Structures are given as structure tokens and as C-alpha cells.
């Protein structure tokens, strides 16, 4: 009986230890969270991107303010907070999205920023900083249209977006037209593509991220067409989709009919 109690207690203690992560594990979780939700617009110690460099942010703002802004940036802006309004202006009016960050996650992110600030380590990069070549533009268009596959197997941009000069039948309508994206994100567009903070893109690219080179080339293509007039919405894309659906159903019907005939033919002699 004592042995059984000791074994059960040990088991319960082991489960408790697994369920309650230690400080090192929490730091790892915070870094993963930063890479997933923050790094498209921010770095720690590598310079400003769409949003400011977060190194030393708690020396410029109070922790309470930072906690509130991380969790609900829209509410902070709606209150007319002067610091938030200035940050919005500096970010070319690109609003920080509502990411659903919990108070515990916000506290862990702030602690991560403080730890990296004190240690002098950096997190995140400003991406590739060189002029785009004609080769980059060609590759970027091919990636956008899906004629070249991304290294990690992510879907083509055209499946959800459209842009001038891409795709003869137009693009997808799930995401916005991307002609205006370079004007909105400027030189940080590649970083926003490489580490997207948008929930729909995280679902598609979370486990299959673009490489820095791929993101740079897609961004270079979008910069090259940003001044062109928006493409006209083509009816070919939905028409082709409808015809493909009808064709697949008809092919399934024909194949199924032959299959049932073959089964019936074998059953008749047995009957």
C-alpha cells in the first residue's frame, strides 16, 4: 500500500512539473511568440522596421502602458493616447493588429525584451538590404504566381491575392490587392512577408515560412508594379474553377458507373 502511494505521488509530482514550465521554458515560449507575432514589424536591437525597435522599450514607456498596448493597441488608439498616435504616424499609419495576446503572454514578452536589452543580444533582422535586380523581379513574379514553388512548400500568393501584371486570369479574392502594399510598408515589406502577423497568413505559412531571399524577391516584384493601375477583376478565374468542379463531378460519375456495372456483371452468374 505504501509503495502504491509513493508511486502515485511520484507520478503526480512528475505531471505537475511538466504542466508548470520553469523560467527557461517560459523564455523559450516568449521568444517563439515574438518570432510568430512581433518580428514582422519589430526587432530587439536590430533597428526599426514597420514598428520601432523594442530594445529598451521599458526605459521609454512604463510597463503598465506597454502591457496595455500589446494586448489592445486599438483601444489605446481609440482613447487618443498621444504616444500611440505618434507611433501610428511613425509607422506610416500601419496599425498594430489585434493579436489576442493574454496578460501572461504580454508580461512574458516584456520580460523577454528586458532580458535581451540587458544582455545586448538581438532578435530579428531588418532583412536583405540591397537593390533588387531584374533577376529578383522575375523570380518574385514567378513565386507570386506559383510558377516557382517556395522552398518550404507554402502556397502561391496568387491563390489569395492579386497584383498588376500577375496571372492572366486574375488572382484570389481572399486577401487584398497588393499594389498598395509597398506604399504602406515601404522597405519593410519583405520583413512583413517573411514573418507575417496576419492570422490567415500564419495559418498558411506558420509551418512553411518563406526564406529571406524569397520574401525579398516577392516584395521586389510588388514594388515594381505598385505604380501600375489596379488589375481588372477577371471572370476567368471563377469560371475555370466552376468548369473544373463540373468536370471532376462528371469524371467521378462516369468512373463510378463503370465500377458498378463491373460489380453487377460478377454478381449475376453467382445469383
Protein backbone atom coordinates (compact mmCIF):
# COMPACT_ATOMS: atom_id res chain seq x y z
CA UNK A 1 0.00 0.00 0.00
CA UNK A 2 2.81 2.42 0.92
CA UNK A 3 4.60 1.55 -2.30
CA UNK A 4 1.48 2.27 -4.33
CA UNK A 5 1.03 5.65 -2.59
CA UNK A 6 4.66 6.57 -3.17
CA UNK A 7 4.38 5.65 -6.87
CA UNK A 8 1.17 7.64 -7.29
CA UNK A 9 2.66 10.64 -5.50
CA UNK A 10 5.77 10.48 -7.66
CA UNK A 11 3.60 10.29 -10.77
CA UNK A 12 1.51 13.28 -9.68
CA UNK A 13 4.67 15.27 -8.94
CA UNK A 14 6.09 14.43 -12.37
CA UNK A 15 2.88 15.56 -14.09
CA UNK A 16 2.91 18.79 -12.06
CA UNK A 17 6.49 19.50 -13.08
CA UNK A 18 5.59 19.01 -16.73
CA UNK A 19 2.47 21.14 -16.51
CA UNK A 20 4.19 24.11 -14.83
CA UNK A 21 7.09 25.27 -17.03
CA UNK A 22 10.16 26.73 -15.43
CA UNK A 23 11.66 30.14 -16.24
CA UNK A 24 13.83 28.79 -19.06
CA UNK A 25 10.85 27.21 -20.80
CA UNK A 26 8.80 30.39 -20.39
CA UNK A 27 11.62 32.36 -22.01
CA UNK A 28 11.62 29.95 -24.93
CA UNK A 29 7.86 30.32 -25.27
CA UNK A 30 8.15 34.11 -25.22
CA UNK A 31 10.82 34.06 -27.91
CA UNK A 32 8.67 31.77 -30.08
CA UNK A 33 5.74 34.14 -29.52
CA UNK A 34 7.86 37.13 -30.53
CA UNK A 35 9.01 35.40 -33.70
CA UNK A 36 5.44 34.47 -34.57
CA UNK A 37 3.54 37.66 -33.79
CA UNK A 38 6.00 40.54 -33.45
CA UNK A 39 9.01 40.02 -35.71
CA UNK A 40 7.24 41.05 -38.92
CA UNK A 41 7.22 44.65 -37.66
CA UNK A 42 9.73 44.80 -34.78
CA UNK A 43 13.20 43.74 -33.73
CA UNK A 44 15.04 43.82 -30.43
CA UNK A 45 18.29 45.64 -31.04
CA UNK A 46 18.47 45.34 -34.85
CA UNK A 47 16.77 48.60 -35.78
CA UNK A 48 13.30 49.86 -36.63
CA UNK A 49 11.13 48.14 -39.20
CA UNK A 50 7.48 49.00 -39.75
CA UNK A 51 7.28 49.45 -35.98
CA UNK A 52 10.01 50.71 -33.63
CA UNK A 53 12.98 48.76 -32.35
CA UNK A 54 11.84 47.42 -28.97
CA UNK A 55 15.25 47.45 -27.32
CA UNK A 56 14.93 49.33 -24.05
CA UNK A 57 11.22 49.94 -24.51
CA UNK A 58 10.58 49.80 -20.75
CA UNK A 59 13.02 52.66 -20.25
CA UNK A 60 10.94 54.79 -22.62
CA UNK A 61 7.49 53.63 -21.53
CA UNK A 62 6.06 52.27 -18.30
CA UNK A 63 5.42 48.56 -18.09
CA UNK A 64 1.74 49.24 -17.50
CA UNK A 65 1.49 51.23 -20.72
CA UNK A 66 3.38 48.58 -22.69
CA UNK A 67 1.21 45.80 -21.26
CA UNK A 68 -1.98 47.63 -22.22
CA UNK A 69 -0.77 48.47 -25.73
CA UNK A 70 0.45 44.97 -26.52
CA UNK A 71 -2.89 43.47 -25.51
CA UNK A 72 -5.21 46.09 -27.05
CA UNK A 73 -3.48 48.55 -29.39
CA UNK A 74 -6.78 49.57 -30.97
CA UNK A 75 -8.32 50.55 -27.64
CA UNK A 76 -5.22 52.60 -26.77
CA UNK A 77 -5.50 54.47 -30.06
CA UNK A 78 -9.24 54.98 -29.63
CA UNK A 79 -8.57 56.68 -26.29
CA UNK A 80 -6.45 59.22 -28.14
CA UNK A 81 -3.26 58.24 -26.33
CA UNK A 82 -0.63 60.70 -27.67
CA UNK A 83 2.22 58.17 -27.58
CA UNK A 84 0.18 55.59 -29.52
CA UNK A 85 -0.90 58.21 -32.07
CA UNK A 86 2.73 59.26 -32.62
CA UNK A 87 3.77 55.61 -33.08
CA UNK A 88 0.99 55.22 -35.65
CA UNK A 89 2.23 58.27 -37.53
CA UNK A 90 5.83 57.00 -37.46
CA UNK A 91 4.63 53.63 -38.81
CA UNK A 92 3.07 55.27 -41.87
CA UNK A 93 -0.41 54.73 -40.37
CA UNK A 94 0.07 50.95 -40.24
CA UNK A 95 -1.95 49.88 -37.21
CA UNK A 96 -0.70 47.12 -34.97
CA UNK A 97 -3.18 44.24 -35.38
CA UNK A 98 -5.20 42.84 -32.52
CA UNK A 99 -3.29 39.63 -31.82
CA UNK A 100 -5.29 38.29 -28.90
CA UNK A 101 -2.29 38.39 -26.57
CA UNK A 102 -3.13 37.44 -22.98
CA UNK A 103 -1.81 39.32 -19.93
CA UNK A 104 0.55 36.41 -19.17
CA UNK A 105 1.92 36.45 -22.73
CA UNK A 106 2.32 40.23 -22.65
CA UNK A 107 4.26 40.03 -19.38
CA UNK A 108 6.50 37.30 -20.82
CA UNK A 109 7.17 39.38 -23.97
CA UNK A 110 8.12 42.41 -21.89
CA UNK A 111 10.44 40.26 -19.79
CA UNK A 112 11.99 38.88 -22.97
CA UNK A 113 12.62 42.40 -24.27
CA UNK A 114 14.22 43.42 -20.98
CA UNK A 115 16.42 40.30 -20.92
CA UNK A 116 17.66 40.88 -24.48
CA UNK A 117 18.20 44.58 -23.74
CA UNK A 118 20.32 43.84 -20.67
CA UNK A 119 22.35 41.10 -22.37
CA UNK A 120 22.96 43.08 -25.56
CA UNK A 121 21.62 40.23 -27.69
CA UNK A 122 19.42 40.94 -30.71
CA UNK A 123 16.32 39.24 -32.01
CA UNK A 124 15.09 39.71 -35.56
CA UNK A 125 16.76 41.30 -38.56
CA UNK A 126 15.91 44.09 -40.96
CA UNK A 127 16.09 41.66 -43.84
CA UNK A 128 18.06 41.85 -47.10
CA UNK A 129 19.27 45.36 -47.79
CA UNK A 130 20.43 45.59 -51.40
CA UNK A 131 18.98 46.89 -54.67
CA UNK A 132 16.71 44.44 -56.48
CA UNK A 133 17.99 43.12 -59.79
CA UNK A 134 15.97 42.10 -62.89
CA UNK A 135 16.56 38.50 -61.80
CA UNK A 136 14.94 39.27 -58.43
CA UNK A 137 11.91 40.80 -60.16
CA UNK A 138 11.48 37.80 -62.43
CA UNK A 139 11.80 35.33 -59.59
CA UNK A 140 9.45 37.36 -57.44
CA UNK A 141 6.76 37.28 -60.10
CA UNK A 142 7.23 33.53 -60.58
CA UNK A 143 6.91 32.94 -56.84
CA UNK A 144 3.85 35.18 -56.67
CA UNK A 145 2.11 33.31 -59.49
CA UNK A 146 3.13 29.87 -58.26
CA UNK A 147 5.26 29.03 -61.30
CA UNK A 148 8.12 28.60 -58.82
CA UNK A 149 7.47 26.72 -55.57
CA UNK A 150 8.60 28.18 -52.29
CA UNK A 151 11.35 26.16 -50.61
CA UNK A 152 9.12 25.14 -47.67
CA UNK A 153 6.11 24.36 -49.88
CA UNK A 154 3.90 27.32 -48.95
CA UNK A 155 1.01 28.28 -51.27
CA UNK A 156 1.46 30.84 -54.01
CA UNK A 157 0.49 34.44 -53.30
CA UNK A 158 -1.92 34.41 -56.26
CA UNK A 159 -4.15 31.88 -54.52
CA UNK A 160 -5.32 34.63 -52.11
CA UNK A 161 -4.13 37.93 -53.62
CA UNK A 162 -3.86 39.75 -56.92
CA UNK A 163 -1.43 42.35 -58.25
CA UNK A 164 -0.91 44.14 -61.54
CA UNK A 165 0.83 42.04 -64.17
CA UNK A 166 0.41 38.75 -62.29
CA UNK A 167 -1.67 35.91 -63.67
CA UNK A 168 -3.64 36.05 -66.89
CA UNK A 169 -6.90 35.08 -65.14
CA UNK A 170 -6.57 37.34 -62.12
CA UNK A 171 -5.86 36.23 -58.59
CA UNK A 172 -7.61 35.18 -55.44
CA UNK A 173 -10.03 37.39 -53.54
CA UNK A 174 -9.48 36.14 -50.00
CA UNK A 175 -6.74 38.71 -49.41
CA UNK A 176 -6.45 42.32 -50.59
CA UNK A 177 -5.00 43.64 -53.81
CA UNK A 178 -1.28 44.11 -53.12
CA UNK A 179 -0.48 47.07 -55.38
CA UNK A 180 -0.71 49.38 -52.37
CA UNK A 181 1.37 47.18 -50.04
CA UNK A 182 4.74 48.78 -50.94
CA UNK A 183 3.36 52.25 -50.19
CA UNK A 184 2.05 51.01 -46.86
CA UNK A 185 5.07 49.03 -45.65
CA UNK A 186 7.86 50.65 -47.68
CA UNK A 187 11.25 48.99 -47.40
CA UNK A 188 9.90 46.72 -44.64
CA UNK A 189 7.50 44.88 -46.95
CA UNK A 190 9.86 41.89 -47.27
CA UNK A 191 10.01 41.55 -43.48
CA UNK A 192 6.20 41.60 -43.26
CA UNK A 193 6.04 38.84 -45.91
CA UNK A 194 8.74 36.74 -44.27
CA UNK A 195 7.21 36.93 -40.78
CA UNK A 196 3.50 37.67 -41.30
CA UNK A 197 1.46 38.72 -38.28
CA UNK A 198 -1.86 38.23 -40.06
CA UNK A 199 -3.84 35.22 -38.76
CA UNK A 200 -4.78 33.95 -42.23
CA UNK A 201 -1.16 34.07 -43.42
CA UNK A 202 0.08 32.47 -40.22
CA UNK A 203 -2.23 29.55 -40.90
CA UNK A 204 -0.80 29.14 -44.39
CA UNK A 205 2.87 29.90 -43.69
CA UNK A 206 3.30 29.25 -39.97
CA UNK A 207 4.93 25.88 -40.55
CA UNK A 208 6.17 26.73 -44.05
CA UNK A 209 7.78 30.19 -43.86
CA UNK A 210 9.40 31.91 -46.80
CA UNK A 211 13.16 32.28 -46.81
CA UNK A 212 14.57 35.83 -46.57
CA UNK A 213 15.55 35.64 -50.26
CA UNK A 214 12.07 34.54 -51.35
CA UNK A 215 10.39 37.27 -49.30
CA UNK A 216 12.79 39.87 -50.70
CA UNK A 217 12.07 38.80 -54.29
CA UNK A 218 8.28 38.78 -53.85
CA UNK A 219 8.49 42.23 -52.26
CA UNK A 220 10.71 43.44 -55.11
CA UNK A 221 8.10 42.33 -57.65
CA UNK A 222 5.33 44.13 -55.74
CA UNK A 223 7.44 47.30 -55.58
CA UNK A 224 7.89 47.10 -59.36
CA UNK A 225 4.13 47.06 -60.04
CA UNK A 226 2.97 49.38 -57.25
CA UNK A 227 2.64 52.37 -59.61
CA UNK A 228 0.62 50.43 -62.20
CA UNK A 229 -3.18 50.73 -62.33
CA UNK A 230 -5.03 48.01 -60.40
CA UNK A 231 -5.85 44.95 -62.49
CA UNK A 232 -9.43 44.47 -63.60
CA UNK A 233 -11.20 41.62 -61.90
CA UNK A 234 -11.34 38.80 -64.43
CA UNK A 235 -14.21 36.34 -64.62
CA UNK A 236 -11.87 33.66 -65.98
CA UNK A 237 -10.62 32.53 -62.58
CA UNK A 238 -14.05 31.66 -61.12
CA UNK A 239 -15.21 30.29 -64.50
CA UNK A 240 -12.23 27.95 -64.68
CA UNK A 241 -12.89 26.88 -61.11
CA UNK A 242 -16.54 26.12 -61.88
CA UNK A 243 -15.65 24.20 -65.04
CA UNK A 244 -13.06 22.23 -63.11
CA UNK A 245 -15.64 21.32 -60.47
CA UNK A 246 -18.19 20.21 -63.08
CA UNK A 247 -15.55 18.22 -64.94
CA UNK A 248 -14.44 16.45 -61.77
CA UNK A 249 -18.02 15.53 -60.87
CA UNK A 250 -18.70 14.20 -64.37
CA UNK A 251 -15.49 12.17 -64.38
CA UNK A 252 -16.43 10.70 -61.00
CA UNK A 253 -19.90 9.84 -62.27
CA UNK A 254 -18.58 8.03 -65.33
CA UNK A 255 -15.94 6.12 -63.40
CA UNK A 256 -18.46 5.18 -60.73
CA UNK A 257 -20.96 3.93 -63.30
CA UNK A 258 -18.41 1.63 -64.89
CA UNK A 259 -17.41 0.33 -61.48
CA UNK A 260 -20.98 -0.56 -60.53
CA UNK A 261 -21.51 -2.28 -63.88
CA UNK A 262 -18.42 -4.38 -63.26
CA UNK A 263 -19.66 -5.40 -59.83
CA UNK A 264 -23.13 -6.26 -61.17
CA UNK A 265 -21.63 -8.35 -64.00
CA UNK A 266 -19.75 -10.51 -61.50
CA UNK A 267 -22.78 -10.96 -59.25
CA UNK A 268 -25.26 -12.13 -61.93
CA UNK A 269 -23.65 -15.60 -62.56
CA UNK A 270 -23.45 -16.21 -58.80
CA UNK A 271 -27.13 -15.38 -58.41
